[in-house]
Amino acid sequence: MSKKYYNISEVSKFLGIEEHKIRYWDSIDPKTKKNRVEGISIKSKGGTRYFNAENINKLRKLKNILYEGEEQNHSLKLANKILLNKKDYLIENNYKNLALDHNFEKSKKINQILLKMKNLLKN
């Protein structure tokens, strides 16, 4: 069964987004005193970021909006507005969350197998 929450390291590897970018997107803008992008993570009382399927899906969409290939296409502020203004976002999100959880677990298992194979080949 898949996990309900993932840590930033797992999400970073799965989505191919550097941890520092996720932290920046999830931080509070000192000028506006608001989150740069809403709904990216769930934070514990101690400030640790955890990510559920909905958060991961939002990060994936944000990455797609901001970067196509290696080029930056939009500002973070504009990307956040695009995400917040999608009327079908919640409906689409609920439908895709089940597939996202399943695909994430498959990817994790494949990575674990590859790591074990790599270790075996070293010996």
PDB file of N, CA and C in Angstrom:
ATOM      1  N   MET A   1       0.848  -1.187   0.000  1.00  0.00           N
ATOM      2  CA  MET A   1       0.000   0.000   0.000  1.00  0.00           C
ATOM      3  C   MET A   1       0.887   1.241   0.000  1.00  0.00           C
ATOM      4  N   SER A   2       0.453   2.245  -0.692  1.00  0.00           N
ATOM      5  CA  SER A   2       1.275   3.455  -0.796  1.00  0.00           C
ATOM      6  C   SER A   2       1.178   4.296   0.475  1.00  0.00           C
ATOM      7  N   LYS A   3       2.209   5.100   0.667  1.00  0.00           N
ATOM      8  CA  LYS A   3       2.249   5.990   1.813  1.00  0.00           C
ATOM      9  C   LYS A   3       1.301   7.151   1.584  1.00  0.00           C
ATOM     10  N   LYS A   4       0.835   7.731   2.682  1.00  0.00           N
ATOM     11  CA  LYS A   4      -0.046   8.882   2.576  1.00  0.00           C
ATOM     12  C   LYS A   4       0.759  10.174   2.434  1.00  0.00           C
ATOM     13  N   TYR A   5       1.933  10.218   3.076  1.00  0.00           N
ATOM     14  CA  TYR A   5       2.776  11.411   3.039  1.00  0.00           C
ATOM     15  C   TYR A   5       4.209  11.045   2.672  1.00  0.00           C
ATOM     16  N   TYR A   6       4.867  11.954   1.958  1.00  0.00           N
ATOM     17  CA  TYR A   6       6.254  11.770   1.537  1.00  0.00           C
ATOM     18  C   TYR A   6       7.081  12.947   2.020  1.00  0.00           C
ATOM     19  N   ASN A   7       8.390  12.724   2.208  1.00  0.00           N
ATOM     20  CA  ASN A   7       9.248  13.827   2.622  1.00  0.00           C
ATOM     21  C   ASN A   7       9.781  14.559   1.400  1.00  0.00           C
ATOM     22  N   ILE A   8      10.437  15.685   1.639  1.00  0.00           N
ATOM     23  CA  ILE A   8      10.895  16.542   0.542  1.00  0.00           C
ATOM     24  C   ILE A   8      11.930  15.842  -0.333  1.00  0.00           C
ATOM     25  N   SER A   9      12.749  14.992   0.264  1.00  0.00           N
ATOM     26  CA  SER A   9      13.770  14.273  -0.495  1.00  0.00           C
ATOM     27  C   SER A   9      13.127  13.313  -1.499  1.00  0.00           C
ATOM     28  N   GLU A  10      12.117  12.583  -1.056  1.00  0.00           N
ATOM     29  CA  GLU A  10      11.414  11.643  -1.937  1.00  0.00           C
ATOM     30  C   GLU A  10      10.728  12.380  -3.090  1.00  0.00           C
ATOM     31  N   VAL A  11      10.060  13.477  -2.764  1.00  0.00           N
ATOM     32  CA  VAL A  11       9.336  14.253  -3.772  1.00  0.00           C
ATOM     33  C   VAL A  11      10.313  14.881  -4.766  1.00  0.00           C
ATOM     34  N   SER A  12      11.421  15.377  -4.263  1.00  0.00           N
ATOM     35  CA  SER A  12      12.441  15.981  -5.115  1.00  0.00           C
ATOM     36  C   SER A  12      12.963  14.981  -6.149  1.00  0.00           C
ATOM     37  N   LYS A  13      13.272  13.780  -5.698  1.00  0.00           N
ATOM     38  CA  LYS A  13      13.776  12.741  -6.604  1.00  0.00           C
ATOM     39  C   LYS A  13      12.712  12.313  -7.603  1.00  0.00           C
ATOM     40  N   PHE A  14      11.497  12.140  -7.122  1.00  0.00           N
ATOM     41  CA  PHE A  14      10.415  11.670  -7.984  1.00  0.00           C
ATOM     42  C   PHE A  14      10.085  12.670  -9.089  1.00  0.00           C
ATOM     43  N   LEU A  15      10.028  13.960  -8.737  1.00  0.00           N
ATOM     44  CA  LEU A  15       9.629  14.983  -9.707  1.00  0.00           C
ATOM     45  C   LEU A  15      10.807  15.621 -10.445  1.00  0.00           C
ATOM     46  N   GLY A  16      12.016  15.374  -9.969  1.00  0.00           N
ATOM     47  CA  GLY A  16      13.178  15.991 -10.594  1.00  0.00           C
ATOM     48  C   GLY A  16      13.242  17.485 -10.347  1.00  0.00           C
ATOM     49  N   ILE A  17      12.831  17.907  -9.159  1.00  0.00           N
ATOM     50  CA  ILE A  17      12.892  19.312  -8.757  1.00  0.00           C
ATOM     51  C   ILE A  17      13.839  19.391  -7.565  1.00  0.00           C
ATOM     52  N   GLU A  18      14.810  20.302  -7.627  1.00  0.00           N
ATOM     53  CA  GLU A  18      15.742  20.437  -6.517  1.00  0.00           C
ATOM     54  C   GLU A  18      14.996  20.832  -5.243  1.00  0.00           C
ATOM     55  N   GLU A  19      15.465  20.296  -4.103  1.00  0.00           N
ATOM     56  CA  GLU A  19      14.819  20.565  -2.821  1.00  0.00           C
ATOM     57  C   GLU A  19      14.766  22.058  -2.519  1.00  0.00           C
ATOM     58  N   HIS A  20      15.839  22.794  -2.850  1.00  0.00           N
ATOM     59  CA  HIS A  20      15.850  24.224  -2.535  1.00  0.00           C
ATOM     60  C   HIS A  20      14.766  24.982  -3.302  1.00  0.00           C
ATOM     61  N   LYS A  21      14.421  24.514  -4.502  1.00  0.00           N
ATOM     62  CA  LYS A  21      13.346  25.164  -5.263  1.00  0.00           C
ATOM     63  C   LYS A  21      11.998  24.906  -4.595  1.00  0.00           C
ATOM     64  N   ILE A  22      11.796  23.671  -4.156  1.00  0.00           N
ATOM     65  CA  ILE A  22      10.533  23.349  -3.477  1.00  0.00           C
ATOM     66  C   ILE A  22      10.404  24.191  -2.213  1.00  0.00           C
ATOM     67  N   ARG A  23      11.491  24.300  -1.459  1.00  0.00           N
ATOM     68  CA  ARG A  23      11.460  25.108  -0.227  1.00  0.00           C
ATOM     69  C   ARG A  23      11.159  26.573  -0.546  1.00  0.00           C
ATOM     70  N   TYR A  24      11.769  27.090  -1.596  1.00  0.00           N
ATOM     71  CA  TYR A  24      11.533  28.485  -1.981  1.00  0.00           C
ATOM     72  C   TYR A  24      10.074  28.695  -2.367  1.00  0.00           C
ATOM     73  N   TRP A  25       9.545  27.824  -3.222  1.00  0.00           N
ATOM     74  CA  TRP A  25       8.150  27.952  -3.646  1.00  0.00           C
ATOM     75  C   TRP A  25       7.210  27.872  -2.455  1.00  0.00           C
ATOM     76  N   ASP A  26       7.601  27.112  -1.450  1.00  0.00           N
ATOM     77  CA  ASP A  26       6.755  26.886  -0.279  1.00  0.00           C
ATOM     78  C   ASP A  26       7.005  27.895   0.846  1.00  0.00           C
ATOM     79  N   SER A  27       7.905  28.841   0.615  1.00  0.00           N
ATOM     80  CA  SER A  27       8.242  29.791   1.671  1.00  0.00           C
ATOM     81  C   SER A  27       7.334  31.019   1.639  1.00  0.00           C
ATOM     82  N   ILE A  28       7.463  31.833   2.668  1.00  0.00           N
ATOM     83  CA  ILE A  28       6.669  33.051   2.775  1.00  0.00           C
ATOM     84  C   ILE A  28       7.451  34.204   2.164  1.00  0.00           C
ATOM     85  N   ASP A  29       6.786  34.955   1.299  1.00  0.00           N
ATOM     86  CA  ASP A  29       7.390  36.129   0.670  1.00  0.00           C
ATOM     87  C   ASP A  29       7.445  37.247   1.718  1.00  0.00           C
ATOM     88  N   PRO A  30       8.628  37.771   2.019  1.00  0.00           N
ATOM     89  CA  PRO A  30       8.737  38.805   3.056  1.00  0.00           C
ATOM     90  C   PRO A  30       7.961  40.090   2.738  1.00  0.00           C
ATOM     91  N   LYS A  31       7.767  40.378   1.456  1.00  0.00           N
ATOM     92  CA  LYS A  31       7.044  41.601   1.087  1.00  0.00           C
ATOM     93  C   LYS A  31       5.544  41.479   1.347  1.00  0.00           C
ATOM     94  N   THR A  32       4.978  40.342   0.965  1.00  0.00           N
ATOM     95  CA  THR A  32       3.518  40.177   1.079  1.00  0.00           C
ATOM     96  C   THR A  32       3.111  39.423   2.340  1.00  0.00           C
ATOM     97  N   LYS A  33       4.068  38.767   2.983  1.00  0.00           N
ATOM     98  CA  LYS A  33       3.810  37.956   4.191  1.00  0.00           C
ATOM     99  C   LYS A  33       2.869  36.782   3.895  1.00  0.00           C
ATOM    100  N   LYS A  34       2.826  36.362   2.629  1.00  0.00           N
ATOM    101  CA  LYS A  34       1.992  35.226   2.217  1.00  0.00           C
ATOM    102  C   LYS A  34       2.886  34.175   1.578  1.00  0.00           C
ATOM    103  N   ASN A  35       2.377  32.949   1.523  1.00  0.00           N
ATOM    104  CA  ASN A  35       3.124  31.890   0.835  1.00  0.00           C
ATOM    105  C   ASN A  35       3.302  32.266  -0.620  1.00  0.00           C
ATOM    106  N   ARG A  36       4.480  31.949  -1.159  1.00  0.00           N
ATOM    107  CA  ARG A  36       4.725  32.240  -2.574  1.00  0.00           C
ATOM    108  C   ARG A  36       3.749  31.447  -3.444  1.00  0.00           C
ATOM    109  N   VAL A  37       3.548  30.176  -3.100  1.00  0.00           N
ATOM    110  CA  VAL A  37       2.570  29.332  -3.787  1.00  0.00           C
ATOM    111  C   VAL A  37       1.802  28.576  -2.709  1.00  0.00           C
ATOM    112  N   GLU A  38       0.491  28.659  -2.756  1.00  0.00           N
ATOM    113  CA  GLU A  38      -0.354  28.017  -1.743  1.00  0.00           C
ATOM    114  C   GLU A  38      -0.489  26.516  -1.990  1.00  0.00           C
ATOM    115  N   GLY A  39      -0.564  25.752  -0.919  1.00  0.00           N
ATOM    116  CA  GLY A  39      -0.915  24.341  -1.008  1.00  0.00           C
ATOM    117  C   GLY A  39       0.150  23.414  -1.524  1.00  0.00           C
ATOM    118  N   ILE A  40       1.425  23.777  -1.340  1.00  0.00           N
ATOM    119  CA  ILE A  40       2.486  22.896  -1.832  1.00  0.00           C
ATOM    120  C   ILE A  40       2.828  21.808  -0.828  1.00  0.00           C
ATOM    121  N   SER A  41       2.712  22.113   0.463  1.00  0.00           N
ATOM    122  CA  SER A  41       3.069  21.104   1.461  1.00  0.00           C
ATOM    123  C   SER A  41       2.172  21.221   2.676  1.00  0.00           C
ATOM    124  N   ILE A  42       2.337  20.243   3.539  1.00  0.00           N
ATOM    125  CA  ILE A  42       1.702  20.245   4.846  1.00  0.00           C
ATOM    126  C   ILE A  42       2.854  20.278   5.835  1.00  0.00           C
ATOM    127  N   LYS A  43       2.845  21.234   6.745  1.00  0.00           N
ATOM    128  CA  LYS A  43       3.965  21.375   7.673  1.00  0.00           C
ATOM    129  C   LYS A  43       3.580  20.885   9.062  1.00  0.00           C
ATOM    130  N   SER A  44       4.537  20.194   9.687  1.00  0.00           N
ATOM    131  CA  SER A  44       4.337  19.741  11.058  1.00  0.00           C
ATOM    132  C   SER A  44       4.542  20.935  11.994  1.00  0.00           C
ATOM    133  N   LYS A  45       4.256  20.745  13.265  1.00  0.00           N
ATOM    134  CA  LYS A  45       4.454  21.819  14.249  1.00  0.00           C
ATOM    135  C   LYS A  45       5.914  22.254  14.283  1.00  0.00           C
ATOM    136  N   GLY A  46       6.810  21.337  14.017  1.00  0.00           N
ATOM    137  CA  GLY A  46       8.237  21.642  14.000  1.00  0.00           C
ATOM    138  C   GLY A  46       8.711  22.274  12.696  1.00  0.00           C
ATOM    139  N   GLY A  47       7.830  22.376  11.698  1.00  0.00           N
ATOM    140  CA  GLY A  47       8.175  23.007  10.434  1.00  0.00           C
ATOM    141  C   GLY A  47       8.613  22.047   9.341  1.00  0.00           C
ATOM    142  N   THR A  48       8.588  20.732   9.619  1.00  0.00           N
ATOM    143  CA  THR A  48       8.957  19.754   8.597  1.00  0.00           C
ATOM    144  C   THR A  48       7.870  19.700   7.532  1.00  0.00           C
ATOM    145  N   ARG A  49       8.297  19.701   6.284  1.00  0.00           N
ATOM    146  CA  ARG A  49       7.351  19.647   5.166  1.00  0.00           C
ATOM    147  C   ARG A  49       7.022  18.196   4.830  1.00  0.00           C
ATOM    148  N   TYR A  50       5.734  17.917   4.669  1.00  0.00           N
ATOM    149  CA  TYR A  50       5.268  16.620   4.201  1.00  0.00           C
ATOM    150  C   TYR A  50       4.384  16.862   2.991  1.00  0.00           C
ATOM    151  N   PHE A  51       4.354  15.889   2.093  1.00  0.00           N
ATOM    152  CA  PHE A  51       3.642  16.048   0.834  1.00  0.00           C
ATOM    153  C   PHE A  51       2.704  14.872   0.613  1.00  0.00           C
ATOM    154  N   ASN A  52       1.428  15.173   0.315  1.00  0.00           N
ATOM    155  CA  ASN A  52       0.487  14.118  -0.053  1.00  0.00           C
ATOM    156  C   ASN A  52       0.329  14.138  -1.570  1.00  0.00           C
ATOM    157  N   ALA A  53      -0.508  13.290  -2.083  1.00  0.00           N
ATOM    158  CA  ALA A  53      -0.670  13.181  -3.539  1.00  0.00           C
ATOM    159  C   ALA A  53      -1.132  14.495  -4.158  1.00  0.00           C
ATOM    160  N   GLU A  54      -1.998  15.209  -3.477  1.00  0.00           N
ATOM    161  CA  GLU A  54      -2.483  16.493  -3.987  1.00  0.00           C
ATOM    162  C   GLU A  54      -1.343  17.511  -4.077  1.00  0.00           C
ATOM    163  N   ASN A  55      -0.512  17.574  -3.039  1.00  0.00           N
ATOM    164  CA  ASN A  55       0.642  18.486  -3.051  1.00  0.00           C
ATOM    165  C   ASN A  55       1.606  18.133  -4.179  1.00  0.00           C
ATOM    166  N   ILE A  56       1.868  16.850  -4.354  1.00  0.00           N
ATOM    167  CA  ILE A  56       2.798  16.388  -5.385  1.00  0.00           C
ATOM    168  C   ILE A  56       2.261  16.733  -6.773  1.00  0.00           C
ATOM    169  N   ASN A  57       0.973  16.550  -6.967  1.00  0.00           N
ATOM    170  CA  ASN A  57       0.357  16.887  -8.251  1.00  0.00           C
ATOM    171  C   ASN A  57       0.482  18.384  -8.531  1.00  0.00           C
ATOM    172  N   LYS A  58       0.290  19.205  -7.507  1.00  0.00           N
ATOM    173  CA  LYS A  58       0.406  20.651  -7.678  1.00  0.00           C
ATOM    174  C   LYS A  58       1.849  21.034  -8.021  1.00  0.00           C
ATOM    175  N   LEU A  59       2.814  20.399  -7.355  1.00  0.00           N
ATOM    176  CA  LEU A  59       4.222  20.662  -7.661  1.00  0.00           C
ATOM    177  C   LEU A  59       4.553  20.278  -9.102  1.00  0.00           C
ATOM    178  N   ARG A  60       4.023  19.168  -9.554  1.00  0.00           N
ATOM    179  CA  ARG A  60       4.253  18.716 -10.926  1.00  0.00           C
ATOM    180  C   ARG A  60       3.697  19.737 -11.922  1.00  0.00           C
ATOM    181  N   LYS A  61       2.484  20.213 -11.671  1.00  0.00           N
ATOM    182  CA  LYS A  61       1.885  21.208 -12.560  1.00  0.00           C
ATOM    183  C   LYS A  61       2.686  22.512 -12.529  1.00  0.00           C
ATOM    184  N   LEU A  62       3.130  22.903 -11.342  1.00  0.00           N
ATOM    185  CA  LEU A  62       3.925  24.120 -11.209  1.00  0.00           C
ATOM    186  C   LEU A  62       5.225  23.997 -11.994  1.00  0.00           C
ATOM    187  N   LYS A  63       5.864  22.856 -11.884  1.00  0.00           N
ATOM    188  CA  LYS A  63       7.098  22.618 -12.641  1.00  0.00           C
ATOM    189  C   LYS A  63       6.827  22.717 -14.141  1.00  0.00           C
ATOM    190  N   ASN A  64       5.719  22.129 -14.599  1.00  0.00           N
ATOM    191  CA  ASN A  64       5.383  22.176 -16.025  1.00  0.00           C
ATOM    192  C   ASN A  64       5.101  23.597 -16.498  1.00  0.00           C
ATOM    193  N   ILE A  65       4.481  24.406 -15.644  1.00  0.00           N
ATOM    194  CA  ILE A  65       4.193  25.789 -16.015  1.00  0.00           C
ATOM    195  C   ILE A  65       5.486  26.605 -16.072  1.00  0.00           C
ATOM    196  N   LEU A  66       6.344  26.418 -15.075  1.00  0.00           N
ATOM    197  CA  LEU A  66       7.559  27.232 -14.971  1.00  0.00           C
ATOM    198  C   LEU A  66       8.649  26.821 -15.947  1.00  0.00           C
ATOM    199  N   TYR A  67       8.775  25.528 -16.173  1.00  0.00           N
ATOM    200  CA  TYR A  67       9.896  25.046 -16.978  1.00  0.00           C
ATOM    201  C   TYR A  67       9.418  24.086 -18.047  1.00  0.00           C
ATOM    202  N   GLU A  68       9.724  24.403 -19.283  1.00  0.00           N
ATOM    203  CA  GLU A  68       9.509  23.450 -20.360  1.00  0.00           C
ATOM    204  C   GLU A  68      10.888  23.221 -20.942  1.00  0.00           C
ATOM    205  N   GLY A  69      11.424  22.037 -20.760  1.00  0.00           N
ATOM    206  CA  GLY A  69      12.821  21.802 -21.074  1.00  0.00           C
ATOM    207  C   GLY A  69      13.657  22.471 -19.996  1.00  0.00           C
ATOM    208  N   GLU A  70      14.595  23.282 -20.381  1.00  0.00           N
ATOM    209  CA  GLU A  70      15.455  23.969 -19.421  1.00  0.00           C
ATOM    210  C   GLU A  70      15.135  25.460 -19.316  1.00  0.00           C
ATOM    211  N   GLU A  71      14.190  25.947 -20.101  1.00  0.00           N
ATOM    212  CA  GLU A  71      13.914  27.375 -20.117  1.00  0.00           C
ATOM    213  C   GLU A  71      12.796  27.735 -19.152  1.00  0.00           C
ATOM    214  N   GLN A  72      12.974  28.876 -18.487  1.00  0.00           N
ATOM    215  CA  GLN A  72      11.931  29.369 -17.595  1.00  0.00           C
ATOM    216  C   GLN A  72      10.916  30.123 -18.435  1.00  0.00           C
ATOM    217  N   ASN A  73       9.648  29.777 -18.288  1.00  0.00           N
ATOM    218  CA  ASN A  73       8.610  30.359 -19.124  1.00  0.00           C
ATOM    219  C   ASN A  73       7.798  31.448 -18.427  1.00  0.00           C
ATOM    220  N   HIS A  74       7.571  31.328 -17.138  1.00  0.00           N
ATOM    221  CA  HIS A  74       6.700  32.251 -16.417  1.00  0.00           C
ATOM    222  C   HIS A  74       7.309  32.594 -15.073  1.00  0.00           C
ATOM    223  N   SER A  75       6.867  33.680 -14.495  1.00  0.00           N
ATOM    224  CA  SER A  75       7.276  34.006 -13.135  1.00  0.00           C
ATOM    225  C   SER A  75       6.511  33.112 -12.160  1.00  0.00           C
ATOM    226  N   LEU A  76       7.041  32.974 -10.971  1.00  0.00           N
ATOM    227  CA  LEU A  76       6.387  32.165  -9.949  1.00  0.00           C
ATOM    228  C   LEU A  76       5.024  32.749  -9.590  1.00  0.00           C
ATOM    229  N   LYS A  77       4.944  34.070  -9.533  1.00  0.00           N
ATOM    230  CA  LYS A  77       3.683  34.738  -9.203  1.00  0.00           C
ATOM    231  C   LYS A  77       2.611  34.415 -10.249  1.00  0.00           C
ATOM    232  N   LEU A  78       2.991  34.480 -11.521  1.00  0.00           N
ATOM    233  CA  LEU A  78       2.052  34.157 -12.600  1.00  0.00           C
ATOM    234  C   LEU A  78       1.668  32.682 -12.562  1.00  0.00           C
ATOM    235  N   ALA A  79       2.645  31.811 -12.316  1.00  0.00           N
ATOM    236  CA  ALA A  79       2.359  30.374 -12.246  1.00  0.00           C
ATOM    237  C   ALA A  79       1.366  30.073 -11.139  1.00  0.00           C
ATOM    238  N   ASN A  80       1.531  30.721  -9.986  1.00  0.00           N
ATOM    239  CA  ASN A  80       0.603  30.521  -8.871  1.00  0.00           C
ATOM    240  C   ASN A  80      -0.801  30.961  -9.264  1.00  0.00           C
ATOM    241  N   LYS A  81      -0.926  32.086  -9.953  1.00  0.00           N
ATOM    242  CA  LYS A  81      -2.245  32.554 -10.406  1.00  0.00           C
ATOM    243  C   LYS A  81      -2.873  31.569 -11.376  1.00  0.00           C
ATOM    244  N   ILE A  82      -2.061  31.019 -12.267  1.00  0.00           N
ATOM    245  CA  ILE A  82      -2.566  30.026 -13.223  1.00  0.00           C
ATOM    246  C   ILE A  82      -3.111  28.815 -12.476  1.00  0.00           C
ATOM    247  N   LEU A  83      -2.355  28.342 -11.480  1.00  0.00           N
ATOM    248  CA  LEU A  83      -2.806  27.181 -10.706  1.00  0.00           C
ATOM    249  C   LEU A  83      -4.087  27.476  -9.931  1.00  0.00           C
ATOM    250  N   LEU A  84      -4.161  28.639  -9.313  1.00  0.00           N
ATOM    251  CA  LEU A  84      -5.324  28.982  -8.498  1.00  0.00           C
ATOM    252  C   LEU A  84      -6.573  29.247  -9.324  1.00  0.00           C
ATOM    253  N   ASN A  85      -6.409  29.678 -10.568  1.00  0.00           N
ATOM    254  CA  ASN A  85      -7.558  30.034 -11.401  1.00  0.00           C
ATOM    255  C   ASN A  85      -8.101  28.886 -12.239  1.00  0.00           C
ATOM    256  N   LYS A  86      -7.494  27.727 -12.164  1.00  0.00           N
ATOM    257  CA  LYS A  86      -8.003  26.601 -12.947  1.00  0.00           C
ATOM    258  C   LYS A  86      -9.273  26.073 -12.286  1.00  0.00           C
ATOM    259  N   LYS A  87     -10.397  26.227 -12.972  1.00  0.00           N
ATOM    260  CA  LYS A  87     -11.679  25.785 -12.418  1.00  0.00           C
ATOM    261  C   LYS A  87     -11.746  24.274 -12.263  1.00  0.00           C
ATOM    262  N   ASP A  88     -11.120  23.583 -13.192  1.00  0.00           N
ATOM    263  CA  ASP A  88     -11.196  22.128 -13.171  1.00  0.00           C
ATOM    264  C   ASP A  88     -10.103  21.510 -12.308  1.00  0.00           C
ATOM    265  N   TYR A  89      -9.309  22.343 -11.632  1.00  0.00           N
ATOM    266  CA  TYR A  89      -8.168  21.831 -10.872  1.00  0.00           C
ATOM    267  C   TYR A  89      -8.592  20.800  -9.816  1.00  0.00           C
ATOM    268  N   LEU A  90      -9.604  21.119  -9.008  1.00  0.00           N
ATOM    269  CA  LEU A  90     -10.004  20.198  -7.934  1.00  0.00           C
ATOM    270  C   LEU A  90     -10.575  18.899  -8.482  1.00  0.00           C
ATOM    271  N   ILE A  91     -11.400  18.985  -9.501  1.00  0.00           N
ATOM    272  CA  ILE A  91     -11.994  17.783 -10.082  1.00  0.00           C
ATOM    273  C   ILE A  91     -10.902  16.910 -10.698  1.00  0.00           C
ATOM    274  N   GLU A  92     -10.062  17.531 -11.497  1.00  0.00           N
ATOM    275  CA  GLU A  92      -8.972  16.809 -12.154  1.00  0.00           C
ATOM    276  C   GLU A  92      -8.021  16.225 -11.116  1.00  0.00           C
ATOM    277  N   ASN A  93      -7.751  16.992 -10.086  1.00  0.00           N
ATOM    278  CA  ASN A  93      -6.830  16.581  -9.032  1.00  0.00           C
ATOM    279  C   ASN A  93      -7.336  15.326  -8.323  1.00  0.00           C
ATOM    280  N   ASN A  94      -8.611  15.307  -7.969  1.00  0.00           N
ATOM    281  CA  ASN A  94      -9.172  14.153  -7.271  1.00  0.00           C
ATOM    282  C   ASN A  94      -9.089  12.896  -8.119  1.00  0.00           C
ATOM    283  N   TYR A  95      -9.334  13.024  -9.413  1.00  0.00           N
ATOM    284  CA  TYR A  95      -9.295  11.885 -10.319  1.00  0.00           C
ATOM    285  C   TYR A  95      -7.881  11.338 -10.469  1.00  0.00           C
ATOM    286  N   LYS A  96      -6.894  12.235 -10.571  1.00  0.00           N
ATOM    287  CA  LYS A  96      -5.518  11.823 -10.842  1.00  0.00           C
ATOM    288  C   LYS A  96      -4.746  11.408  -9.592  1.00  0.00           C
ATOM    289  N   ASN A  97      -5.220  11.766  -8.418  1.00  0.00           N
ATOM    290  CA  ASN A  97      -4.481  11.454  -7.192  1.00  0.00           C
ATOM    291  C   ASN A  97      -4.254   9.957  -7.016  1.00  0.00           C
ATOM    292  N   LEU A  98      -5.237   9.152  -7.363  1.00  0.00           N
ATOM    293  CA  LEU A  98      -5.091   7.705  -7.210  1.00  0.00           C
ATOM    294  C   LEU A  98      -3.977   7.178  -8.103  1.00  0.00           C
ATOM    295  N   ALA A  99      -3.948   7.639  -9.351  1.00  0.00           N
ATOM    296  CA  ALA A  99      -2.901   7.214 -10.279  1.00  0.00           C
ATOM    297  C   ALA A  99      -1.541   7.731  -9.837  1.00  0.00           C
ATOM    298  N   LEU A 100      -1.493   8.940  -9.328  1.00  0.00           N
ATOM    299  CA  LEU A 100      -0.238   9.535  -8.881  1.00  0.00           C
ATOM    300  C   LEU A 100       0.388   8.718  -7.761  1.00  0.00           C
ATOM    301  N   ASP A 101      -0.403   8.370  -6.758  1.00  0.00           N
ATOM    302  CA  ASP A 101       0.102   7.555  -5.644  1.00  0.00           C
ATOM    303  C   ASP A 101       0.665   6.240  -6.156  1.00  0.00           C
ATOM    304  N   HIS A 102      -0.069   5.593  -7.062  1.00  0.00           N
ATOM    305  CA  HIS A 102       0.335   4.300  -7.596  1.00  0.00           C
ATOM    306  C   HIS A 102       1.634   4.431  -8.393  1.00  0.00           C
ATOM    307  N   ASN A 103       1.714   5.448  -9.254  1.00  0.00           N
ATOM    308  CA  ASN A 103       2.908   5.655 -10.077  1.00  0.00           C
ATOM    309  C   ASN A 103       4.120   6.011  -9.224  1.00  0.00           C
ATOM    310  N   PHE A 104       3.910   6.781  -8.172  1.00  0.00           N
ATOM    311  CA  PHE A 104       5.016   7.159  -7.296  1.00  0.00           C
ATOM    312  C   PHE A 104       5.597   5.924  -6.625  1.00  0.00           C
ATOM    313  N   GLU A 105       4.733   5.048  -6.152  1.00  0.00           N
ATOM    314  CA  GLU A 105       5.200   3.817  -5.507  1.00  0.00           C
ATOM    315  C   GLU A 105       5.953   2.931  -6.495  1.00  0.00           C
ATOM    316  N   LYS A 106       5.453   2.827  -7.728  1.00  0.00           N
ATOM    317  CA  LYS A 106       6.143   2.036  -8.747  1.00  0.00           C
ATOM    318  C   LYS A 106       7.531   2.602  -9.008  1.00  0.00           C
ATOM    319  N   SER A 107       7.604   3.912  -9.164  1.00  0.00           N
ATOM    320  CA  SER A 107       8.883   4.576  -9.422  1.00  0.00           C
ATOM    321  C   SER A 107       9.855   4.352  -8.276  1.00  0.00           C
ATOM    322  N   LYS A 108       9.352   4.439  -7.062  1.00  0.00           N
ATOM    323  CA  LYS A 108      10.193   4.221  -5.884  1.00  0.00           C
ATOM    324  C   LYS A 108      10.743   2.796  -5.863  1.00  0.00           C
ATOM    325  N   LYS A 109       9.896   1.828  -6.155  1.00  0.00           N
ATOM    326  CA  LYS A 109      10.316   0.429  -6.165  1.00  0.00           C
ATOM    327  C   LYS A 109      11.368   0.180  -7.248  1.00  0.00           C
ATOM    328  N   ILE A 110      11.157   0.771  -8.427  1.00  0.00           N
ATOM    329  CA  ILE A 110      12.124   0.613  -9.518  1.00  0.00           C
ATOM    330  C   ILE A 110      13.468   1.206  -9.113  1.00  0.00           C
ATOM    331  N   ASN A 111      13.437   2.383  -8.489  1.00  0.00           N
ATOM    332  CA  ASN A 111      14.681   3.010  -8.040  1.00  0.00           C
ATOM    333  C   ASN A 111      15.395   2.154  -7.001  1.00  0.00           C
ATOM    334  N   GLN A 112      14.641   1.530  -6.108  1.00  0.00           N
ATOM    335  CA  GLN A 112      15.237   0.656  -5.096  1.00  0.00           C
ATOM    336  C   GLN A 112      15.884  -0.557  -5.756  1.00  0.00           C
ATOM    337  N   ILE A 113      15.224  -1.135  -6.741  1.00  0.00           N
ATOM    338  CA  ILE A 113      15.767  -2.292  -7.463  1.00  0.00           C
ATOM    339  C   ILE A 113      17.049  -1.902  -8.188  1.00  0.00           C
ATOM    340  N   LEU A 114      17.025  -0.752  -8.860  1.00  0.00           N
ATOM    341  CA  LEU A 114      18.207  -0.287  -9.577  1.00  0.00           C
ATOM    342  C   LEU A 114      19.383  -0.041  -8.636  1.00  0.00           C
ATOM    343  N   LEU A 115      19.102   0.508  -7.479  1.00  0.00           N
ATOM    344  CA  LEU A 115      20.150   0.750  -6.493  1.00  0.00           C
ATOM    345  C   LEU A 115      20.748  -0.568  -5.998  1.00  0.00           C
ATOM    346  N   LYS A 116      19.895  -1.547  -5.757  1.00  0.00           N
ATOM    347  CA  LYS A 116      20.383  -2.866  -5.321  1.00  0.00           C
ATOM    348  C   LYS A 116      21.242  -3.515  -6.414  1.00  0.00           C
ATOM    349  N   MET A 117      20.796  -3.382  -7.673  1.00  0.00           N
ATOM    350  CA  MET A 117      21.562  -3.949  -8.788  1.00  0.00           C
ATOM    351  C   MET A 117      22.925  -3.262  -8.903  1.00  0.00           C
ATOM    352  N   LYS A 118      22.930  -1.957  -8.743  1.00  0.00           N
ATOM    353  CA  LYS A 118      24.165  -1.192  -8.815  1.00  0.00           C
ATOM    354  C   LYS A 118      25.139  -1.648  -7.726  1.00  0.00           C
ATOM    355  N   ASN A 119      24.606  -1.843  -6.523  1.00  0.00           N
ATOM    356  CA  ASN A 119      25.438  -2.315  -5.408  1.00  0.00           C
ATOM    357  C   ASN A 119      25.969  -3.708  -5.647  1.00  0.00           C
ATOM    358  N   LEU A 120      25.155  -4.581  -6.239  1.00  0.00           N
ATOM    359  CA  LEU A 120      25.592  -5.933  -6.555  1.00  0.00           C
ATOM    360  C   LEU A 120      26.708  -5.924  -7.590  1.00  0.00           C
ATOM    361  N   LEU A 121      26.601  -5.040  -8.571  1.00  0.00           N
ATOM    362  CA  LEU A 121      27.610  -4.962  -9.628  1.00  0.00           C
ATOM    363  C   LEU A 121      28.939  -4.411  -9.116  1.00  0.00           C
ATOM    364  N   LYS A 122      28.905  -3.626  -8.069  1.00  0.00           N
ATOM    365  CA  LYS A 122      30.136  -3.087  -7.485  1.00  0.00           C
ATOM    366  C   LYS A 122      30.968  -4.176  -6.833  1.00  0.00           C
ATOM    367  N   ASN A 123      30.291  -5.182  -6.288  1.00  0.00           N
ATOM    368  CA  ASN A 123      30.995  -6.248  -5.548  1.00  0.00           C
ATOM    369  C   ASN A 123      31.604  -7.260  -6.438  1.00  0.00           C
TER     370      ASN A 123
END
